[in-house]
Amino acid sequence: MDTKEMLRKFEETVSGYIRELDGVSLEQLLWKPAEDEWSLGQMHVHLIHSAQFMHLRNVALCLAPNGNPAVSSTGKTKPGEEVFGAGSFPSDRVQVPPSPQYTPPQPEGKEQLVDGLRGTVRRMTEIERAVAAAFDPVAQAISEPGKDTAFELVRNTVVHPRFGGLNALESGPESGKLRYWIGVVSASHVQRGVQGGFAQMCHGKSAPLRRMQPGDWLVYYSPRTEMGGGEPLQAFTAIGRVADDRVYEYAMSATFVPFRRNIEYVPCREARIVDLLDRLYITRGKRNWGYPFRTGHFEIDREDFLTIAEAMHANFG
């Protein structure tokens, strides 16, 4: 999911909150089910304050650190890896003990909440451009290590109290981040997909295709030139972006009707994996580095994607 899509979804969510406020009285907003629990109004205040003064503040720090000691390259905690790997929060309820530092005040009125929600959208709109510019694949492909370059900015993190270090894209209140995937397909089948603008894998199953979202990136790895035979290849052979949300059937014969997904491929070259084994997180230091490739489809992190894309001389322009 790209940043503009994230912003659009956030605007839809805020609009829904504002519509719901029209049907709620101030008395209902201030009512608390128990002394140590929050009112509906306090929940709104919490969402507004956390978005503006933690999430968006951290995004801004990652993109313009200016020597702030809160910015580092710290990685995620185990809970952070689990949440971002799943792409959603768990269903567990969280209750923090009351404290002056954390418990939000009661709102003074509905107008305060509406203004706060709209102000959060305005701030999201302002900062989206900077996030998109830093994480743009073209900027990443041409950027080199150096102060305040796109290469460095995407590596800046600010520590979240539970999830650990999050970068600018992950720190936002609507952090439905872009995801990056490997698909394992023979080279000849990859070429058919590139020519036809589609992805098909795992013997035509729909599940791997449905895991990907519009805007996600897919890299094909081909162990051999032909399925079930051909010459050994062990190379990354194509790279493209998921074009839309359609997963559809395509009859290749009377008895074989696989599922496909539309992909916007970019020009690139083959890149041998043997040249990247020491540079990729998924293979570095692993004797049995080929194990995840046996699944046919799996997720990789952004840095591995950028390393592969650079080796393939991917042309994102």
C-alpha atoms as a PDB file:
ATOM      1  CA  MET A   1       0.000   0.000   0.000  1.00  0.00           C
ATOM      2  CA  ASP A   2       1.515   3.382  -0.977  1.00  0.00           C
ATOM      3  CA  THR A   3       1.386   6.551   1.119  1.00  0.00           C
ATOM      4  CA  LYS A   4      -1.432   8.165  -0.870  1.00  0.00           C
ATOM      5  CA  GLU A   5      -3.583   5.092  -0.343  1.00  0.00           C
ATOM      6  CA  MET A   6      -2.736   5.152   3.366  1.00  0.00           C
ATOM      7  CA  LEU A   7      -3.772   8.812   3.534  1.00  0.00           C
ATOM      8  CA  ARG A   8      -7.020   8.102   1.686  1.00  0.00           C
ATOM      9  CA  LYS A   9      -7.931   5.304   4.090  1.00  0.00           C
ATOM     10  CA  PHE A  10      -7.066   7.508   7.077  1.00  0.00           C
ATOM     11  CA  GLU A  11      -9.305  10.287   5.745  1.00  0.00           C
ATOM     12  CA  GLU A  12     -12.150   7.770   5.354  1.00  0.00           C
ATOM     13  CA  THR A  13     -11.646   6.576   8.938  1.00  0.00           C
ATOM     14  CA  VAL A  14     -11.684  10.134  10.320  1.00  0.00           C
ATOM     15  CA  SER A  15     -14.795  10.990   8.309  1.00  0.00           C
ATOM     16  CA  GLY A  16     -16.498   7.972   9.853  1.00  0.00           C
ATOM     17  CA  TYR A  17     -15.568   9.116  13.361  1.00  0.00           C
ATOM     18  CA  ILE A  18     -16.921  12.609  12.699  1.00  0.00           C
ATOM     19  CA  ARG A  19     -20.198  11.229  11.325  1.00  0.00           C
ATOM     20  CA  GLU A  20     -20.627   9.048  14.400  1.00  0.00           C
ATOM     21  CA  LEU A  21     -20.089  12.040  16.698  1.00  0.00           C
ATOM     22  CA  ASP A  22     -23.195  13.693  15.203  1.00  0.00           C
ATOM     23  CA  GLY A  23     -25.354  10.990  16.757  1.00  0.00           C
ATOM     24  CA  VAL A  24     -23.793  11.118  20.237  1.00  0.00           C
ATOM     25  CA  SER A  25     -24.640  13.608  22.984  1.00  0.00           C
ATOM     26  CA  LEU A  26     -21.991  15.249  25.164  1.00  0.00           C
ATOM     27  CA  GLU A  27     -23.407  13.337  28.142  1.00  0.00           C
ATOM     28  CA  GLN A  28     -22.836  10.053  26.316  1.00  0.00           C
ATOM     29  CA  LEU A  29     -19.307  11.107  25.344  1.00  0.00           C
ATOM     30  CA  LEU A  30     -18.378  11.833  28.968  1.00  0.00           C
ATOM     31  CA  TRP A  31     -19.965   8.727  30.516  1.00  0.00           C
ATOM     32  CA  LYS A  32     -17.505   6.219  32.032  1.00  0.00           C
ATOM     33  CA  PRO A  33     -18.440   2.562  32.659  1.00  0.00           C
ATOM     34  CA  ALA A  34     -16.193   2.558  35.754  1.00  0.00           C
ATOM     35  CA  GLU A  35     -13.947   4.993  37.578  1.00  0.00           C
ATOM     36  CA  ASP A  36     -10.763   3.355  36.245  1.00  0.00           C
ATOM     37  CA  GLU A  37     -12.008   3.117  32.646  1.00  0.00           C
ATOM     38  CA  TRP A  38     -12.116   5.731  29.909  1.00  0.00           C
ATOM     39  CA  SER A  39     -15.116   7.478  28.436  1.00  0.00           C
ATOM     40  CA  LEU A  40     -15.798   7.536  24.714  1.00  0.00           C
ATOM     41  CA  GLY A  41     -14.635  11.144  24.705  1.00  0.00           C
ATOM     42  CA  GLN A  42     -11.345  10.219  26.363  1.00  0.00           C
ATOM     43  CA  MET A  43     -10.797   7.540  23.722  1.00  0.00           C
ATOM     44  CA  HIS A  44     -11.162  10.196  21.004  1.00  0.00           C
ATOM     45  CA  VAL A  45      -8.743  12.514  22.830  1.00  0.00           C
ATOM     46  CA  HIS A  46      -6.262   9.647  23.172  1.00  0.00           C
ATOM     47  CA  LEU A  47      -6.385   8.878  19.443  1.00  0.00           C
ATOM     48  CA  ILE A  48      -5.890  12.531  18.518  1.00  0.00           C
ATOM     49  CA  HIS A  49      -3.045  13.136  20.969  1.00  0.00           C
ATOM     50  CA  SER A  50      -1.198   9.906  20.184  1.00  0.00           C
ATOM     51  CA  ALA A  51      -1.444  10.586  16.431  1.00  0.00           C
ATOM     52  CA  GLN A  52      -0.273  14.192  16.629  1.00  0.00           C
ATOM     53  CA  PHE A  53       2.219  14.107  19.500  1.00  0.00           C
ATOM     54  CA  MET A  54       3.708  10.625  19.169  1.00  0.00           C
ATOM     55  CA  HIS A  55       3.156   8.985  15.768  1.00  0.00           C
ATOM     56  CA  LEU A  56       3.430  12.032  13.508  1.00  0.00           C
ATOM     57  CA  ARG A  57       6.100  13.569  15.726  1.00  0.00           C
ATOM     58  CA  ASN A  58       8.187  10.406  15.319  1.00  0.00           C
ATOM     59  CA  VAL A  59       7.643  10.426  11.552  1.00  0.00           C
ATOM     60  CA  ALA A  60       8.913  14.012  11.404  1.00  0.00           C
ATOM     61  CA  LEU A  61      11.944  13.137  13.527  1.00  0.00           C
ATOM     62  CA  CYS A  62      12.900  10.245  11.239  1.00  0.00           C
ATOM     63  CA  LEU A  63      12.772  12.522   8.193  1.00  0.00           C
ATOM     64  CA  ALA A  64      14.506  15.520   9.806  1.00  0.00           C
ATOM     65  CA  PRO A  65      16.511  14.248  12.798  1.00  0.00           C
ATOM     66  CA  ASN A  66      18.714  17.364  13.234  1.00  0.00           C
ATOM     67  CA  GLY A  67      20.866  15.495  15.739  1.00  0.00           C
ATOM     68  CA  ASN A  68      17.945  14.540  18.004  1.00  0.00           C
ATOM     69  CA  PRO A  69      19.125  11.682  20.293  1.00  0.00           C
ATOM     70  CA  ALA A  70      15.727   9.974  19.955  1.00  0.00           C
ATOM     71  CA  VAL A  71      16.615   9.055  16.347  1.00  0.00           C
ATOM     72  CA  SER A  72      18.743   5.948  15.829  1.00  0.00           C
ATOM     73  CA  SER A  73      18.808   2.761  13.769  1.00  0.00           C
ATOM     74  CA  THR A  74      17.330   0.579  16.510  1.00  0.00           C
ATOM     75  CA  GLY A  75      15.322  -2.379  15.234  1.00  0.00           C
ATOM     76  CA  LYS A  76      11.920  -3.693  16.268  1.00  0.00           C
ATOM     77  CA  THR A  77      11.210  -5.731  19.381  1.00  0.00           C
ATOM     78  CA  LYS A  78       9.767  -9.233  19.053  1.00  0.00           C
ATOM     79  CA  PRO A  79       6.180  -7.916  19.532  1.00  0.00           C
ATOM     80  CA  GLY A  80       6.927  -5.281  16.894  1.00  0.00           C
ATOM     81  CA  GLU A  81       8.124  -7.886  14.401  1.00  0.00           C
ATOM     82  CA  GLU A  82       5.020  -9.997  15.079  1.00  0.00           C
ATOM     83  CA  VAL A  83       2.567  -7.112  14.617  1.00  0.00           C
ATOM     84  CA  PHE A  84       4.158  -5.829  11.420  1.00  0.00           C
ATOM     85  CA  GLY A  85       4.619  -9.351  10.094  1.00  0.00           C
ATOM     86  CA  ALA A  86       0.900 -10.020  10.583  1.00  0.00           C
ATOM     87  CA  GLY A  87      -0.055  -6.616   9.168  1.00  0.00           C
ATOM     88  CA  SER A  88      -2.519  -5.935  12.011  1.00  0.00           C
ATOM     89  CA  PHE A  89      -2.843  -5.616  15.767  1.00  0.00           C
ATOM     90  CA  PRO A  90      -3.818  -8.668  17.831  1.00  0.00           C
ATOM     91  CA  SER A  91      -7.323  -8.774  19.292  1.00  0.00           C
ATOM     92  CA  ASP A  92      -6.014  -8.638  22.890  1.00  0.00           C
ATOM     93  CA  ARG A  93      -7.433  -5.872  25.082  1.00  0.00           C
ATOM     94  CA  VAL A  94      -4.882  -3.513  26.636  1.00  0.00           C
ATOM     95  CA  GLN A  95      -5.528  -1.574  29.834  1.00  0.00           C
ATOM     96  CA  VAL A  96      -2.915   0.801  31.184  1.00  0.00           C
ATOM     97  CA  PRO A  97      -3.072   1.801  34.885  1.00  0.00           C
ATOM     98  CA  PRO A  98      -4.420   5.364  35.378  1.00  0.00           C
ATOM     99  CA  SER A  99      -1.714   8.042  35.488  1.00  0.00           C
ATOM    100  CA  PRO A 100      -1.513  11.814  34.926  1.00  0.00           C
ATOM    101  CA  GLN A 101       1.010  11.199  32.138  1.00  0.00           C
ATOM    102  CA  TYR A 102      -1.118   8.742  30.171  1.00  0.00           C
ATOM    103  CA  THR A 103      -4.794   9.079  31.069  1.00  0.00           C
ATOM    104  CA  PRO A 104      -6.371  11.591  28.629  1.00  0.00           C
ATOM    105  CA  PRO A 105      -8.606  14.400  29.926  1.00  0.00           C
ATOM    106  CA  GLN A 106     -12.323  14.547  29.228  1.00  0.00           C
ATOM    107  CA  PRO A 107     -13.136  16.642  26.132  1.00  0.00           C
ATOM    108  CA  GLU A 108     -14.712  20.063  26.617  1.00  0.00           C
ATOM    109  CA  GLY A 109     -17.147  19.439  23.759  1.00  0.00           C
ATOM    110  CA  LYS A 110     -17.705  17.702  20.458  1.00  0.00           C
ATOM    111  CA  GLU A 111     -16.239  20.664  18.556  1.00  0.00           C
ATOM    112  CA  GLN A 112     -12.883  20.028  20.241  1.00  0.00           C
ATOM    113  CA  LEU A 113     -12.872  16.439  18.995  1.00  0.00           C
ATOM    114  CA  VAL A 114     -13.912  17.340  15.447  1.00  0.00           C
ATOM    115  CA  ASP A 115     -11.229  20.051  15.266  1.00  0.00           C
ATOM    116  CA  GLY A 116      -8.629  17.613  16.605  1.00  0.00           C
ATOM    117  CA  LEU A 117      -9.540  14.915  14.083  1.00  0.00           C
ATOM    118  CA  ARG A 118      -9.461  17.341  11.171  1.00  0.00           C
ATOM    119  CA  GLY A 119      -6.177  18.779  12.396  1.00  0.00           C
ATOM    120  CA  THR A 120      -4.676  15.279  12.378  1.00  0.00           C
ATOM    121  CA  VAL A 121      -5.757  14.792   8.749  1.00  0.00           C
ATOM    122  CA  ARG A 122      -4.163  18.126   7.823  1.00  0.00           C
ATOM    123  CA  ARG A 123      -0.895  17.126   9.462  1.00  0.00           C
ATOM    124  CA  MET A 124      -1.007  13.707   7.761  1.00  0.00           C
ATOM    125  CA  THR A 125      -1.526  15.426   4.404  1.00  0.00           C
ATOM    126  CA  GLU A 126       1.446  17.715   4.982  1.00  0.00           C
ATOM    127  CA  ILE A 127       3.843  14.956   5.962  1.00  0.00           C
ATOM    128  CA  GLU A 128       2.715  12.383   3.367  1.00  0.00           C
ATOM    129  CA  ARG A 129       4.701  14.106   0.628  1.00  0.00           C
ATOM    130  CA  ALA A 130       7.942  13.872   2.585  1.00  0.00           C
ATOM    131  CA  VAL A 131       7.377  10.208   3.457  1.00  0.00           C
ATOM    132  CA  ALA A 132       6.536   9.343  -0.156  1.00  0.00           C
ATOM    133  CA  ALA A 133       9.658  11.134  -1.410  1.00  0.00           C
ATOM    134  CA  ALA A 134      11.986   9.319   1.004  1.00  0.00           C
ATOM    135  CA  PHE A 135      10.532   5.855   0.375  1.00  0.00           C
ATOM    136  CA  ASP A 136      10.088   6.213  -3.372  1.00  0.00           C
ATOM    137  CA  PRO A 137      11.875   3.285  -5.091  1.00  0.00           C
ATOM    138  CA  VAL A 138      13.456   5.633  -7.629  1.00  0.00           C
ATOM    139  CA  ALA A 139      14.968   7.773  -4.872  1.00  0.00           C
ATOM    140  CA  GLN A 140      16.208   4.656  -3.119  1.00  0.00           C
ATOM    141  CA  ALA A 141      17.732   3.234  -6.268  1.00  0.00           C
ATOM    142  CA  ILE A 142      19.818   6.338  -7.028  1.00  0.00           C
ATOM    143  CA  SER A 143      20.560   7.418  -3.444  1.00  0.00           C
ATOM    144  CA  GLU A 144      23.849   6.726  -1.695  1.00  0.00           C
ATOM    145  CA  PRO A 145      24.889   6.795   1.968  1.00  0.00           C
ATOM    146  CA  GLY A 146      25.239  10.358   3.168  1.00  0.00           C
ATOM    147  CA  LYS A 147      23.640  12.890   5.475  1.00  0.00           C
ATOM    148  CA  ASP A 148      19.888  13.356   4.920  1.00  0.00           C
ATOM    149  CA  THR A 149      19.795  11.315   1.690  1.00  0.00           C
ATOM    150  CA  ALA A 150      16.878   8.992   0.993  1.00  0.00           C
ATOM    151  CA  PHE A 151      19.272   6.087   1.685  1.00  0.00           C
ATOM    152  CA  GLU A 152      19.772   7.316   5.261  1.00  0.00           C
ATOM    153  CA  LEU A 153      16.310   8.691   6.011  1.00  0.00           C
ATOM    154  CA  VAL A 154      14.527   5.356   5.544  1.00  0.00           C
ATOM    155  CA  ARG A 155      16.920   3.779   8.043  1.00  0.00           C
ATOM    156  CA  ASN A 156      16.213   6.308  10.796  1.00  0.00           C
ATOM    157  CA  THR A 157      13.985   4.953  13.549  1.00  0.00           C
ATOM    158  CA  VAL A 158      12.395   6.269  16.735  1.00  0.00           C
ATOM    159  CA  VAL A 159      11.645   3.808  19.515  1.00  0.00           C
ATOM    160  CA  HIS A 160       8.003   2.938  20.160  1.00  0.00           C
ATOM    161  CA  PRO A 161       7.470   1.890  23.819  1.00  0.00           C
ATOM    162  CA  ARG A 162       6.295  -1.606  22.813  1.00  0.00           C
ATOM    163  CA  PHE A 163       7.291  -2.218  19.193  1.00  0.00           C
ATOM    164  CA  GLY A 164      10.848  -0.882  19.272  1.00  0.00           C
ATOM    165  CA  GLY A 165      12.448   1.155  16.492  1.00  0.00           C
ATOM    166  CA  LEU A 166      10.026   2.181  13.724  1.00  0.00           C
ATOM    167  CA  ASN A 167      10.917   4.147  10.612  1.00  0.00           C
ATOM    168  CA  ALA A 168       8.918   7.044   9.175  1.00  0.00           C
ATOM    169  CA  LEU A 169       6.535   4.839   7.205  1.00  0.00           C
ATOM    170  CA  GLU A 170       5.961   2.456  10.120  1.00  0.00           C
ATOM    171  CA  SER A 171       5.552   5.182  12.765  1.00  0.00           C
ATOM    172  CA  GLY A 172       2.430   6.758  11.249  1.00  0.00           C
ATOM    173  CA  PRO A 173      -1.046   6.315  12.780  1.00  0.00           C
ATOM    174  CA  GLU A 174      -2.193   4.523   9.593  1.00  0.00           C
ATOM    175  CA  SER A 175       0.883   2.331   9.123  1.00  0.00           C
ATOM    176  CA  GLY A 176      -0.484  -0.169   6.620  1.00  0.00           C
ATOM    177  CA  LYS A 177       2.998  -0.449   5.229  1.00  0.00           C
ATOM    178  CA  LEU A 178       4.129  -1.529   1.806  1.00  0.00           C
ATOM    179  CA  ARG A 179       5.183  -5.156   1.793  1.00  0.00           C
ATOM    180  CA  TYR A 180       7.700  -7.000  -0.315  1.00  0.00           C
ATOM    181  CA  TRP A 181       7.431 -10.576  -1.552  1.00  0.00           C
ATOM    182  CA  ILE A 182       9.422 -13.320  -3.229  1.00  0.00           C
ATOM    183  CA  GLY A 183       7.672 -15.654  -5.681  1.00  0.00           C
ATOM    184  CA  VAL A 184       9.464 -18.834  -6.765  1.00  0.00           C
ATOM    185  CA  VAL A 185       8.740 -19.681 -10.411  1.00  0.00           C
ATOM    186  CA  SER A 186      10.769 -21.160 -13.290  1.00  0.00           C
ATOM    187  CA  ALA A 187      12.306 -18.591 -15.645  1.00  0.00           C
ATOM    188  CA  SER A 188      10.210 -19.595 -18.646  1.00  0.00           C
ATOM    189  CA  HIS A 189       6.988 -19.154 -16.662  1.00  0.00           C
ATOM    190  CA  VAL A 190       8.231 -15.832 -15.309  1.00  0.00           C
ATOM    191  CA  GLN A 191       8.663 -14.562 -18.864  1.00  0.00           C
ATOM    192  CA  ARG A 192       5.087 -15.523 -19.703  1.00  0.00           C
ATOM    193  CA  GLY A 193       3.907 -13.545 -16.703  1.00  0.00           C
ATOM    194  CA  VAL A 194       6.009 -10.501 -17.617  1.00  0.00           C
ATOM    195  CA  GLN A 195       4.713 -10.558 -21.180  1.00  0.00           C
ATOM    196  CA  GLY A 196       1.109 -10.924 -20.006  1.00  0.00           C
ATOM    197  CA  GLY A 197       1.352  -8.562 -17.013  1.00  0.00           C
ATOM    198  CA  PHE A 198       0.265 -11.129 -14.430  1.00  0.00           C
ATOM    199  CA  ALA A 199       1.549 -13.260 -11.547  1.00  0.00           C
ATOM    200  CA  GLN A 200       0.785 -16.960 -11.164  1.00  0.00           C
ATOM    201  CA  MET A 201       2.525 -19.221  -8.663  1.00  0.00           C
ATOM    202  CA  CYS A 202       2.331 -22.233  -6.364  1.00  0.00           C
ATOM    203  CA  HIS A 203       0.600 -24.335  -9.019  1.00  0.00           C
ATOM    204  CA  GLY A 204      -2.068 -21.732  -9.586  1.00  0.00           C
ATOM    205  CA  LYS A 205      -3.233 -21.346  -5.970  1.00  0.00           C
ATOM    206  CA  SER A 206      -5.062 -18.192  -4.911  1.00  0.00           C
ATOM    207  CA  ALA A 207      -3.755 -17.939  -1.312  1.00  0.00           C
ATOM    208  CA  PRO A 208      -0.319 -16.429  -2.070  1.00  0.00           C
ATOM    209  CA  LEU A 209      -1.869 -13.910  -4.445  1.00  0.00           C
ATOM    210  CA  ARG A 210      -4.461 -12.829  -1.864  1.00  0.00           C
ATOM    211  CA  ARG A 211      -1.755 -12.165   0.725  1.00  0.00           C
ATOM    212  CA  MET A 212      -0.471  -9.281  -1.391  1.00  0.00           C
ATOM    213  CA  GLN A 213      -2.072  -5.842  -1.412  1.00  0.00           C
ATOM    214  CA  PRO A 214      -2.211  -3.220  -4.191  1.00  0.00           C
ATOM    215  CA  GLY A 215       1.108  -1.385  -4.240  1.00  0.00           C
ATOM    216  CA  ASP A 216       3.114  -4.294  -2.787  1.00  0.00           C
ATOM    217  CA  TRP A 217       6.264  -5.355  -4.650  1.00  0.00           C
ATOM    218  CA  LEU A 218       6.929  -8.844  -5.994  1.00  0.00           C
ATOM    219  CA  VAL A 219      10.343 -10.243  -6.950  1.00  0.00           C
ATOM    220  CA  TYR A 220      10.524 -13.514  -8.856  1.00  0.00           C
ATOM    221  CA  TYR A 221      13.256 -16.030  -8.052  1.00  0.00           C
ATOM    222  CA  SER A 222      13.854 -18.815 -10.559  1.00  0.00           C
ATOM    223  CA  PRO A 223      15.763 -21.894  -9.396  1.00  0.00           C
ATOM    224  CA  ARG A 224      15.707 -23.360 -12.926  1.00  0.00           C
ATOM    225  CA  THR A 225      14.976 -22.287 -16.471  1.00  0.00           C
ATOM    226  CA  GLU A 226      12.021 -24.694 -16.820  1.00  0.00           C
ATOM    227  CA  MET A 227       9.540 -26.163 -14.363  1.00  0.00           C
ATOM    228  CA  GLY A 228      10.591 -29.671 -13.411  1.00  0.00           C
ATOM    229  CA  GLY A 229      13.684 -29.552 -15.606  1.00  0.00           C
ATOM    230  CA  GLY A 230      15.817 -27.251 -17.680  1.00  0.00           C
ATOM    231  CA  GLU A 231      19.120 -25.792 -16.542  1.00  0.00           C
ATOM    232  CA  PRO A 232      19.924 -24.627 -12.977  1.00  0.00           C
ATOM    233  CA  LEU A 233      19.636 -20.845 -12.747  1.00  0.00           C
ATOM    234  CA  GLN A 234      19.231 -19.665  -9.116  1.00  0.00           C
ATOM    235  CA  ALA A 235      18.599 -16.046 -10.042  1.00  0.00           C
ATOM    236  CA  PHE A 236      16.130 -13.248  -9.476  1.00  0.00           C
ATOM    237  CA  THR A 237      14.411 -12.850 -12.820  1.00  0.00           C
ATOM    238  CA  ALA A 238      11.662 -10.197 -12.630  1.00  0.00           C
ATOM    239  CA  ILE A 239      10.327  -7.448 -10.414  1.00  0.00           C
ATOM    240  CA  GLY A 240       6.950  -5.720 -10.414  1.00  0.00           C
ATOM    241  CA  ARG A 241       4.232  -4.039  -8.387  1.00  0.00           C
ATOM    242  CA  VAL A 242       0.756  -5.369  -7.596  1.00  0.00           C
ATOM    243  CA  ALA A 243      -1.519  -3.311  -9.839  1.00  0.00           C
ATOM    244  CA  ASP A 244      -4.946  -3.730  -8.233  1.00  0.00           C
ATOM    245  CA  ASP A 245      -6.988  -5.914  -5.875  1.00  0.00           C
ATOM    246  CA  ARG A 246      -8.217  -8.437  -8.465  1.00  0.00           C
ATOM    247  CA  VAL A 247      -7.487 -12.143  -7.981  1.00  0.00           C
ATOM    248  CA  TYR A 248      -9.066 -13.984 -10.882  1.00  0.00           C
ATOM    249  CA  GLU A 249      -9.230 -17.382 -12.556  1.00  0.00           C
ATOM    250  CA  TYR A 250      -7.764 -17.999 -16.004  1.00  0.00           C
ATOM    251  CA  ALA A 251      -8.521 -21.166 -17.954  1.00  0.00           C
ATOM    252  CA  MET A 252      -5.278 -22.459 -19.444  1.00  0.00           C
ATOM    253  CA  SER A 253      -6.966 -25.726 -20.393  1.00  0.00           C
ATOM    254  CA  ALA A 254     -10.161 -27.644 -19.703  1.00  0.00           C
ATOM    255  CA  THR A 255      -8.571 -29.195 -16.620  1.00  0.00           C
ATOM    256  CA  PHE A 256      -6.265 -26.419 -15.364  1.00  0.00           C
ATOM    257  CA  VAL A 257      -7.774 -23.096 -14.233  1.00  0.00           C
ATOM    258  CA  PRO A 258      -5.161 -21.258 -12.120  1.00  0.00           C
ATOM    259  CA  PHE A 259      -5.545 -17.965 -10.280  1.00  0.00           C
ATOM    260  CA  ARG A 260      -3.723 -14.839 -11.431  1.00  0.00           C
ATOM    261  CA  ARG A 261      -2.976 -11.318 -10.207  1.00  0.00           C
ATOM    262  CA  ASN A 262      -2.225  -8.226 -12.317  1.00  0.00           C
ATOM    263  CA  ILE A 263       1.368  -7.001 -11.947  1.00  0.00           C
ATOM    264  CA  GLU A 264       3.079  -3.903 -13.344  1.00  0.00           C
ATOM    265  CA  TYR A 265       6.564  -5.148 -14.162  1.00  0.00           C
ATOM    266  CA  VAL A 266       9.576  -2.861 -14.452  1.00  0.00           C
ATOM    267  CA  PRO A 267      12.615  -3.285 -16.713  1.00  0.00           C
ATOM    268  CA  CYS A 268      15.422  -5.199 -15.010  1.00  0.00           C
ATOM    269  CA  ARG A 269      18.203  -7.746 -15.467  1.00  0.00           C
ATOM    270  CA  GLU A 270      18.675 -11.180 -13.950  1.00  0.00           C
ATOM    271  CA  ALA A 271      20.737 -11.234 -10.760  1.00  0.00           C
ATOM    272  CA  ARG A 272      22.372 -14.401  -9.424  1.00  0.00           C
ATOM    273  CA  ILE A 273      21.570 -15.093  -5.800  1.00  0.00           C
ATOM    274  CA  VAL A 274      25.071 -16.468  -5.154  1.00  0.00           C
ATOM    275  CA  ASP A 275      26.386 -12.898  -5.477  1.00  0.00           C
ATOM    276  CA  LEU A 276      23.960 -11.680  -2.807  1.00  0.00           C
ATOM    277  CA  LEU A 277      24.050 -14.468  -0.192  1.00  0.00           C
ATOM    278  CA  ASP A 278      26.194 -12.435   2.220  1.00  0.00           C
ATOM    279  CA  ARG A 279      24.155  -9.257   1.721  1.00  0.00           C
ATOM    280  CA  LEU A 280      20.589 -10.495   2.214  1.00  0.00           C
ATOM    281  CA  TYR A 281      19.060 -10.985   5.644  1.00  0.00           C
ATOM    282  CA  ILE A 282      17.142 -14.036   4.392  1.00  0.00           C
ATOM    283  CA  THR A 283      20.364 -15.848   3.391  1.00  0.00           C
ATOM    284  CA  ARG A 284      23.244 -14.276   5.322  1.00  0.00           C
ATOM    285  CA  GLY A 285      25.053 -16.783   7.552  1.00  0.00           C
ATOM    286  CA  LYS A 286      22.584 -19.567   6.776  1.00  0.00           C
ATOM    287  CA  ARG A 287      23.839 -22.929   5.506  1.00  0.00           C
ATOM    288  CA  ASN A 288      20.330 -23.944   4.410  1.00  0.00           C
ATOM    289  CA  TRP A 289      19.491 -20.592   2.875  1.00  0.00           C
ATOM    290  CA  GLY A 290      17.184 -22.181   0.296  1.00  0.00           C
ATOM    291  CA  TYR A 291      14.648 -23.381   2.863  1.00  0.00           C
ATOM    292  CA  PRO A 292      12.184 -20.418   2.667  1.00  0.00           C
ATOM    293  CA  PHE A 293      12.210 -20.609  -1.136  1.00  0.00           C
ATOM    294  CA  ARG A 294      10.613 -24.042  -0.925  1.00  0.00           C
ATOM    295  CA  THR A 295       7.373 -22.414   0.218  1.00  0.00           C
ATOM    296  CA  GLY A 296       6.986 -20.782  -3.199  1.00  0.00           C
ATOM    297  CA  HIS A 297       5.982 -17.379  -1.799  1.00  0.00           C
ATOM    298  CA  PHE A 298       7.200 -15.475   1.257  1.00  0.00           C
ATOM    299  CA  GLU A 299       7.721 -11.952   2.564  1.00  0.00           C
ATOM    300  CA  ILE A 300      11.059 -10.133   2.784  1.00  0.00           C
ATOM    301  CA  ASP A 301      11.970  -6.843   4.419  1.00  0.00           C
ATOM    302  CA  ARG A 302      12.480  -3.536   2.635  1.00  0.00           C
ATOM    303  CA  GLU A 303      16.261  -3.601   2.833  1.00  0.00           C
ATOM    304  CA  ASP A 304      16.469  -7.012   1.150  1.00  0.00           C
ATOM    305  CA  PHE A 305      14.095  -5.790  -1.549  1.00  0.00           C
ATOM    306  CA  LEU A 306      16.252  -2.725  -2.224  1.00  0.00           C
ATOM    307  CA  THR A 307      19.413  -4.851  -2.315  1.00  0.00           C
ATOM    308  CA  ILE A 308      17.843  -7.219  -4.853  1.00  0.00           C
ATOM    309  CA  ALA A 309      16.416  -4.358  -6.930  1.00  0.00           C
ATOM    310  CA  GLU A 310      19.833  -2.695  -7.062  1.00  0.00           C
ATOM    311  CA  ALA A 311      21.494  -5.943  -8.178  1.00  0.00           C
ATOM    312  CA  MET A 312      18.832  -6.340 -10.889  1.00  0.00           C
ATOM    313  CA  HIS A 313      19.366  -2.745 -12.085  1.00  0.00           C
ATOM    314  CA  ALA A 314      15.604  -2.291 -11.779  1.00  0.00           C
ATOM    315  CA  ASN A 315      14.384   0.781 -13.642  1.00  0.00           C
ATOM    316  CA  PHE A 316      11.588   2.317 -11.556  1.00  0.00           C
ATOM    317  CA  GLY A 317      11.360   5.371 -13.779  1.00  0.00           C
END
